[in-house]
């Protein structure tokens, strides 16, 4: 006969459900903070710069964890390429049904839609720096490497990747940045002073 055996199961279920409820509340608060930070672009990027500075200061003072920094650099490069790329690659779409981006000024204006939107780019960078910072507290990830070789290899990889991306931008005539709303209108009519040549 099992006396009191059911009490342990009930305690496990209660603690499990309270943990699930707590994690759900934490997730809701986190999502609420993310939603509130969406329009605050400048402050979000300042926050990212602060976290990146903390990470680089940690690596500088510890004098280690270069392999984590290299992996972080590769991940950032991957995110940057997705951020600079159009959602639909004109090269692939051109093979399927013709060019998607306007090639002449007379064509309809189509805004640039990124493969990775700005907010998701920022959010993934924040998570990457936080995970990398957390990993610097575990000595198992401090693999001894010659960091100048990793830096040189990453620099070459960055140069070649960005060169390819810039050539892609030139070939398909798109710019991944917009500076305000594009305005169309008539040019100002010349004044009488300009027509007569007198002040």
C-alpha atoms as a PDB file:
ATOM      1  CA  UNK A   1       0.000   0.000   0.000  1.00  0.00           C
ATOM      2  CA  UNK A   2       1.371   3.373  -1.026  1.00  0.00           C
ATOM      3  CA  UNK A   3       0.534   5.874   1.702  1.00  0.00           C
ATOM      4  CA  UNK A   4       1.129   9.520   0.850  1.00  0.00           C
ATOM      5  CA  UNK A   5       2.451   8.722  -2.629  1.00  0.00           C
ATOM      6  CA  UNK A   6      -0.066  10.995  -4.315  1.00  0.00           C
ATOM      7  CA  UNK A   7       1.076  14.083  -2.381  1.00  0.00           C
ATOM      8  CA  UNK A   8       4.460  14.132  -4.121  1.00  0.00           C
ATOM      9  CA  UNK A   9       2.819  14.020  -7.548  1.00  0.00           C
ATOM     10  CA  UNK A  10       0.458  16.859  -6.608  1.00  0.00           C
ATOM     11  CA  UNK A  11       3.395  18.965  -5.389  1.00  0.00           C
ATOM     12  CA  UNK A  12       5.259  18.328  -8.647  1.00  0.00           C
ATOM     13  CA  UNK A  13       2.216  19.343 -10.710  1.00  0.00           C
ATOM     14  CA  UNK A  14       1.690  22.481  -8.606  1.00  0.00           C
ATOM     15  CA  UNK A  15       5.333  23.555  -8.872  1.00  0.00           C
ATOM     16  CA  UNK A  16       5.359  22.779 -12.590  1.00  0.00           C
ATOM     17  CA  UNK A  17       2.219  24.815 -13.245  1.00  0.00           C
ATOM     18  CA  UNK A  18       3.493  27.735 -11.119  1.00  0.00           C
ATOM     19  CA  UNK A  19       6.776  27.679 -13.038  1.00  0.00           C
ATOM     20  CA  UNK A  20       4.896  27.690 -16.343  1.00  0.00           C
ATOM     21  CA  UNK A  21       2.740  30.583 -15.146  1.00  0.00           C
ATOM     22  CA  UNK A  22       5.785  32.551 -13.971  1.00  0.00           C
ATOM     23  CA  UNK A  23       7.637  31.969 -17.244  1.00  0.00           C
ATOM     24  CA  UNK A  24       4.527  33.042 -19.186  1.00  0.00           C
ATOM     25  CA  UNK A  25       4.305  36.274 -17.153  1.00  0.00           C
ATOM     26  CA  UNK A  26       8.005  36.999 -17.691  1.00  0.00           C
ATOM     27  CA  UNK A  27       7.593  36.393 -21.425  1.00  0.00           C
ATOM     28  CA  UNK A  28       4.580  38.737 -21.556  1.00  0.00           C
ATOM     29  CA  UNK A  29       6.517  41.508 -19.785  1.00  0.00           C
ATOM     30  CA  UNK A  30       9.478  41.009 -22.096  1.00  0.00           C
ATOM     31  CA  UNK A  31       7.211  41.199 -25.153  1.00  0.00           C
ATOM     32  CA  UNK A  32       5.538  44.317 -23.734  1.00  0.00           C
ATOM     33  CA  UNK A  33       8.945  46.010 -23.346  1.00  0.00           C
ATOM     34  CA  UNK A  34       9.857  45.049 -26.900  1.00  0.00           C
ATOM     35  CA  UNK A  35       6.582  46.484 -28.199  1.00  0.00           C
ATOM     36  CA  UNK A  36       7.142  49.747 -26.321  1.00  0.00           C
ATOM     37  CA  UNK A  37      10.716  50.028 -27.664  1.00  0.00           C
ATOM     38  CA  UNK A  38       9.717  49.602 -31.319  1.00  0.00           C
ATOM     39  CA  UNK A  39       9.341  53.325 -32.161  1.00  0.00           C
ATOM     40  CA  UNK A  40      12.424  54.326 -30.116  1.00  0.00           C
ATOM     41  CA  UNK A  41      14.990  53.567 -32.818  1.00  0.00           C
ATOM     42  CA  UNK A  42      17.826  55.787 -31.573  1.00  0.00           C
ATOM     43  CA  UNK A  43      17.521  54.604 -27.960  1.00  0.00           C
ATOM     44  CA  UNK A  44      17.440  50.963 -29.036  1.00  0.00           C
ATOM     45  CA  UNK A  45      20.677  51.339 -30.984  1.00  0.00           C
ATOM     46  CA  UNK A  46      22.318  53.237 -28.104  1.00  0.00           C
ATOM     47  CA  UNK A  47      21.338  50.334 -25.836  1.00  0.00           C
ATOM     48  CA  UNK A  48      22.899  47.891 -28.305  1.00  0.00           C
ATOM     49  CA  UNK A  49      26.096  49.968 -28.406  1.00  0.00           C
ATOM     50  CA  UNK A  50      26.240  49.890 -24.597  1.00  0.00           C
ATOM     51  CA  UNK A  51      25.876  46.090 -24.495  1.00  0.00           C
ATOM     52  CA  UNK A  52      28.503  45.704 -27.231  1.00  0.00           C
ATOM     53  CA  UNK A  53      30.868  47.987 -25.283  1.00  0.00           C
ATOM     54  CA  UNK A  54      30.382  45.889 -22.133  1.00  0.00           C
ATOM     55  CA  UNK A  55      31.132  42.731 -24.128  1.00  0.00           C
ATOM     56  CA  UNK A  56      34.279  44.134 -25.742  1.00  0.00           C
ATOM     57  CA  UNK A  57      35.530  45.523 -22.413  1.00  0.00           C
ATOM     58  CA  UNK A  58      34.994  42.086 -20.859  1.00  0.00           C
ATOM     59  CA  UNK A  59      36.981  40.392 -23.638  1.00  0.00           C
ATOM     60  CA  UNK A  60      39.703  43.061 -23.453  1.00  0.00           C
ATOM     61  CA  UNK A  61      40.205  42.778 -19.688  1.00  0.00           C
ATOM     62  CA  UNK A  62      40.013  38.980 -19.615  1.00  0.00           C
ATOM     63  CA  UNK A  63      42.322  38.711 -22.664  1.00  0.00           C
ATOM     64  CA  UNK A  64      40.511  35.654 -23.959  1.00  0.00           C
ATOM     65  CA  UNK A  65      37.346  34.247 -25.512  1.00  0.00           C
ATOM     66  CA  UNK A  66      38.509  35.171 -29.009  1.00  0.00           C
ATOM     67  CA  UNK A  67      36.773  32.193 -30.577  1.00  0.00           C
ATOM     68  CA  UNK A  68      33.437  33.423 -29.164  1.00  0.00           C
ATOM     69  CA  UNK A  69      34.169  36.879 -30.572  1.00  0.00           C
ATOM     70  CA  UNK A  70      34.974  35.334 -33.954  1.00  0.00           C
ATOM     71  CA  UNK A  71      31.714  33.376 -33.940  1.00  0.00           C
ATOM     72  CA  UNK A  72      29.853  36.531 -32.936  1.00  0.00           C
ATOM     73  CA  UNK A  73      31.505  38.398 -35.816  1.00  0.00           C
ATOM     74  CA  UNK A  74      30.464  35.737 -38.332  1.00  0.00           C
ATOM     75  CA  UNK A  75      26.889  35.848 -37.010  1.00  0.00           C
ATOM     76  CA  UNK A  76      26.814  39.655 -37.220  1.00  0.00           C
ATOM     77  CA  UNK A  77      28.079  39.470 -40.805  1.00  0.00           C
ATOM     78  CA  UNK A  78      25.313  37.014 -41.687  1.00  0.00           C
ATOM     79  CA  UNK A  79      22.684  39.300 -40.136  1.00  0.00           C
ATOM     80  CA  UNK A  80      24.126  42.343 -41.906  1.00  0.00           C
ATOM     81  CA  UNK A  81      23.896  40.649 -45.294  1.00  0.00           C
ATOM     82  CA  UNK A  82      20.255  39.726 -44.606  1.00  0.00           C
ATOM     83  CA  UNK A  83      19.610  43.319 -43.493  1.00  0.00           C
ATOM     84  CA  UNK A  84      21.085  44.742 -46.714  1.00  0.00           C
ATOM     85  CA  UNK A  85      19.376  42.246 -49.032  1.00  0.00           C
ATOM     86  CA  UNK A  86      15.926  42.644 -50.575  1.00  0.00           C
ATOM     87  CA  UNK A  87      13.188  40.327 -49.393  1.00  0.00           C
ATOM     88  CA  UNK A  88      12.839  38.899 -52.887  1.00  0.00           C
ATOM     89  CA  UNK A  89      16.173  38.462 -54.642  1.00  0.00           C
ATOM     90  CA  UNK A  90      15.886  40.122 -58.089  1.00  0.00           C
ATOM     91  CA  UNK A  91      18.291  37.572 -59.535  1.00  0.00           C
ATOM     92  CA  UNK A  92      16.059  34.643 -58.605  1.00  0.00           C
ATOM     93  CA  UNK A  93      12.844  36.488 -59.460  1.00  0.00           C
ATOM     94  CA  UNK A  94      14.358  37.613 -62.776  1.00  0.00           C
ATOM     95  CA  UNK A  95      14.804  33.981 -63.736  1.00  0.00           C
ATOM     96  CA  UNK A  96      11.195  33.233 -62.805  1.00  0.00           C
ATOM     97  CA  UNK A  97       9.110  36.159 -64.043  1.00  0.00           C
ATOM     98  CA  UNK A  98      11.222  39.194 -64.938  1.00  0.00           C
ATOM     99  CA  UNK A  99      12.767  41.948 -62.864  1.00  0.00           C
ATOM    100  CA  UNK A 100      10.923  43.098 -59.728  1.00  0.00           C
ATOM    101  CA  UNK A 101      12.760  46.305 -58.930  1.00  0.00           C
ATOM    102  CA  UNK A 102      12.219  49.339 -61.199  1.00  0.00           C
ATOM    103  CA  UNK A 103      14.968  49.739 -63.757  1.00  0.00           C
ATOM    104  CA  UNK A 104      13.845  53.086 -65.227  1.00  0.00           C
ATOM    105  CA  UNK A 105      12.728  56.347 -63.637  1.00  0.00           C
ATOM    106  CA  UNK A 106       9.386  56.139 -65.448  1.00  0.00           C
ATOM    107  CA  UNK A 107       8.479  52.858 -63.735  1.00  0.00           C
ATOM    108  CA  UNK A 108       6.363  52.719 -60.600  1.00  0.00           C
ATOM    109  CA  UNK A 109       8.246  53.370 -57.362  1.00  0.00           C
ATOM    110  CA  UNK A 110       8.513  50.286 -55.185  1.00  0.00           C
ATOM    111  CA  UNK A 111       9.950  50.720 -51.704  1.00  0.00           C
ATOM    112  CA  UNK A 112      12.860  48.571 -50.633  1.00  0.00           C
ATOM    113  CA  UNK A 113      11.682  45.692 -48.442  1.00  0.00           C
ATOM    114  CA  UNK A 114      14.464  44.035 -46.463  1.00  0.00           C
ATOM    115  CA  UNK A 115      14.885  40.339 -45.969  1.00  0.00           C
ATOM    116  CA  UNK A 116      15.593  41.107 -42.292  1.00  0.00           C
ATOM    117  CA  UNK A 117      13.679  44.130 -40.949  1.00  0.00           C
ATOM    118  CA  UNK A 118      15.486  46.713 -38.805  1.00  0.00           C
ATOM    119  CA  UNK A 119      13.754  45.756 -35.548  1.00  0.00           C
ATOM    120  CA  UNK A 120      14.486  42.048 -35.955  1.00  0.00           C
ATOM    121  CA  UNK A 121      18.092  42.898 -36.920  1.00  0.00           C
ATOM    122  CA  UNK A 122      18.480  44.905 -33.713  1.00  0.00           C
ATOM    123  CA  UNK A 123      16.768  42.254 -31.580  1.00  0.00           C
ATOM    124  CA  UNK A 124      18.919  39.428 -32.938  1.00  0.00           C
ATOM    125  CA  UNK A 125      22.060  41.507 -32.343  1.00  0.00           C
ATOM    126  CA  UNK A 126      21.013  42.169 -28.735  1.00  0.00           C
ATOM    127  CA  UNK A 127      20.435  38.461 -28.149  1.00  0.00           C
ATOM    128  CA  UNK A 128      23.754  37.554 -29.803  1.00  0.00           C
ATOM    129  CA  UNK A 129      25.750  39.968 -27.647  1.00  0.00           C
ATOM    130  CA  UNK A 130      23.963  38.808 -24.475  1.00  0.00           C
ATOM    131  CA  UNK A 131      24.630  35.136 -25.223  1.00  0.00           C
ATOM    132  CA  UNK A 132      28.276  35.886 -26.098  1.00  0.00           C
ATOM    133  CA  UNK A 133      28.665  37.879 -22.866  1.00  0.00           C
ATOM    134  CA  UNK A 134      27.155  35.017 -20.880  1.00  0.00           C
ATOM    135  CA  UNK A 135      29.548  32.527 -22.491  1.00  0.00           C
ATOM    136  CA  UNK A 136      32.554  34.586 -21.355  1.00  0.00           C
ATOM    137  CA  UNK A 137      31.801  33.536 -17.769  1.00  0.00           C
ATOM    138  CA  UNK A 138      32.521  29.870 -18.564  1.00  0.00           C
ATOM    139  CA  UNK A 139      36.195  28.992 -18.886  1.00  0.00           C
ATOM    140  CA  UNK A 140      35.390  25.984 -21.096  1.00  0.00           C
ATOM    141  CA  UNK A 141      34.732  28.398 -23.982  1.00  0.00           C
ATOM    142  CA  UNK A 142      38.096  30.120 -23.641  1.00  0.00           C
ATOM    143  CA  UNK A 143      39.842  28.139 -26.360  1.00  0.00           C
ATOM    144  CA  UNK A 144      43.446  29.262 -26.900  1.00  0.00           C
ATOM    145  CA  UNK A 145      43.790  30.636 -30.431  1.00  0.00           C
ATOM    146  CA  UNK A 146      46.025  33.100 -32.245  1.00  0.00           C
ATOM    147  CA  UNK A 147      43.604  36.031 -32.436  1.00  0.00           C
ATOM    148  CA  UNK A 148      45.398  38.031 -35.183  1.00  0.00           C
ATOM    149  CA  UNK A 149      44.795  35.150 -37.605  1.00  0.00           C
ATOM    150  CA  UNK A 150      41.086  35.076 -36.723  1.00  0.00           C
ATOM    151  CA  UNK A 151      40.872  38.845 -37.116  1.00  0.00           C
ATOM    152  CA  UNK A 152      42.613  38.702 -40.496  1.00  0.00           C
ATOM    153  CA  UNK A 153      40.384  35.875 -41.712  1.00  0.00           C
ATOM    154  CA  UNK A 154      37.220  37.699 -40.558  1.00  0.00           C
ATOM    155  CA  UNK A 155      38.401  40.923 -42.244  1.00  0.00           C
ATOM    156  CA  UNK A 156      38.974  39.126 -45.552  1.00  0.00           C
ATOM    157  CA  UNK A 157      35.606  37.406 -45.263  1.00  0.00           C
ATOM    158  CA  UNK A 158      33.906  40.750 -44.493  1.00  0.00           C
ATOM    159  CA  UNK A 159      35.603  42.467 -47.447  1.00  0.00           C
ATOM    160  CA  UNK A 160      34.720  39.733 -49.944  1.00  0.00           C
ATOM    161  CA  UNK A 161      31.128  39.404 -48.724  1.00  0.00           C
ATOM    162  CA  UNK A 162      30.460  43.144 -48.733  1.00  0.00           C
ATOM    163  CA  UNK A 163      32.069  43.501 -52.159  1.00  0.00           C
ATOM    164  CA  UNK A 164      29.736  40.849 -53.520  1.00  0.00           C
ATOM    165  CA  UNK A 165      26.746  42.551 -51.860  1.00  0.00           C
ATOM    166  CA  UNK A 166      27.684  45.973 -53.268  1.00  0.00           C
ATOM    167  CA  UNK A 167      28.096  44.488 -56.748  1.00  0.00           C
ATOM    168  CA  UNK A 168      24.631  42.937 -56.364  1.00  0.00           C
ATOM    169  CA  UNK A 169      23.222  46.356 -55.396  1.00  0.00           C
ATOM    170  CA  UNK A 170      24.842  48.000 -58.410  1.00  0.00           C
ATOM    171  CA  UNK A 171      23.701  45.283 -60.812  1.00  0.00           C
ATOM    172  CA  UNK A 172      20.051  45.418 -59.734  1.00  0.00           C
ATOM    173  CA  UNK A 173      20.020  49.157 -58.929  1.00  0.00           C
ATOM    174  CA  UNK A 174      18.705  49.160 -55.384  1.00  0.00           C
ATOM    175  CA  UNK A 175      19.759  51.061 -52.286  1.00  0.00           C
ATOM    176  CA  UNK A 176      18.947  49.411 -48.948  1.00  0.00           C
ATOM    177  CA  UNK A 177      18.678  52.736 -47.107  1.00  0.00           C
ATOM    178  CA  UNK A 178      16.016  55.397 -47.314  1.00  0.00           C
ATOM    179  CA  UNK A 179      16.407  58.873 -45.917  1.00  0.00           C
ATOM    180  CA  UNK A 180      12.916  60.141 -45.260  1.00  0.00           C
ATOM    181  CA  UNK A 181       9.908  60.051 -47.521  1.00  0.00           C
ATOM    182  CA  UNK A 182      10.590  60.522 -51.213  1.00  0.00           C
ATOM    183  CA  UNK A 183       8.733  63.583 -52.527  1.00  0.00           C
ATOM    184  CA  UNK A 184       7.656  64.234 -56.065  1.00  0.00           C
ATOM    185  CA  UNK A 185       6.674  67.695 -57.228  1.00  0.00           C
ATOM    186  CA  UNK A 186       7.243  70.514 -59.659  1.00  0.00           C
ATOM    187  CA  UNK A 187      10.463  72.426 -59.654  1.00  0.00           C
ATOM    188  CA  UNK A 188      10.239  76.002 -58.499  1.00  0.00           C
ATOM    189  CA  UNK A 189       9.440  78.385 -61.328  1.00  0.00           C
ATOM    190  CA  UNK A 190      12.271  80.794 -62.185  1.00  0.00           C
ATOM    191  CA  UNK A 191      11.776  84.321 -60.825  1.00  0.00           C
ATOM    192  CA  UNK A 192      11.743  87.509 -62.848  1.00  0.00           C
ATOM    193  CA  UNK A 193      15.205  88.395 -61.549  1.00  0.00           C
ATOM    194  CA  UNK A 194      16.635  85.205 -63.027  1.00  0.00           C
ATOM    195  CA  UNK A 195      14.945  85.863 -66.373  1.00  0.00           C
ATOM    196  CA  UNK A 196      16.097  89.490 -66.746  1.00  0.00           C
ATOM    197  CA  UNK A 197      19.516  88.994 -65.285  1.00  0.00           C
ATOM    198  CA  UNK A 198      19.085  92.056 -63.040  1.00  0.00           C
ATOM    199  CA  UNK A 199      19.098  92.032 -59.229  1.00  0.00           C
END
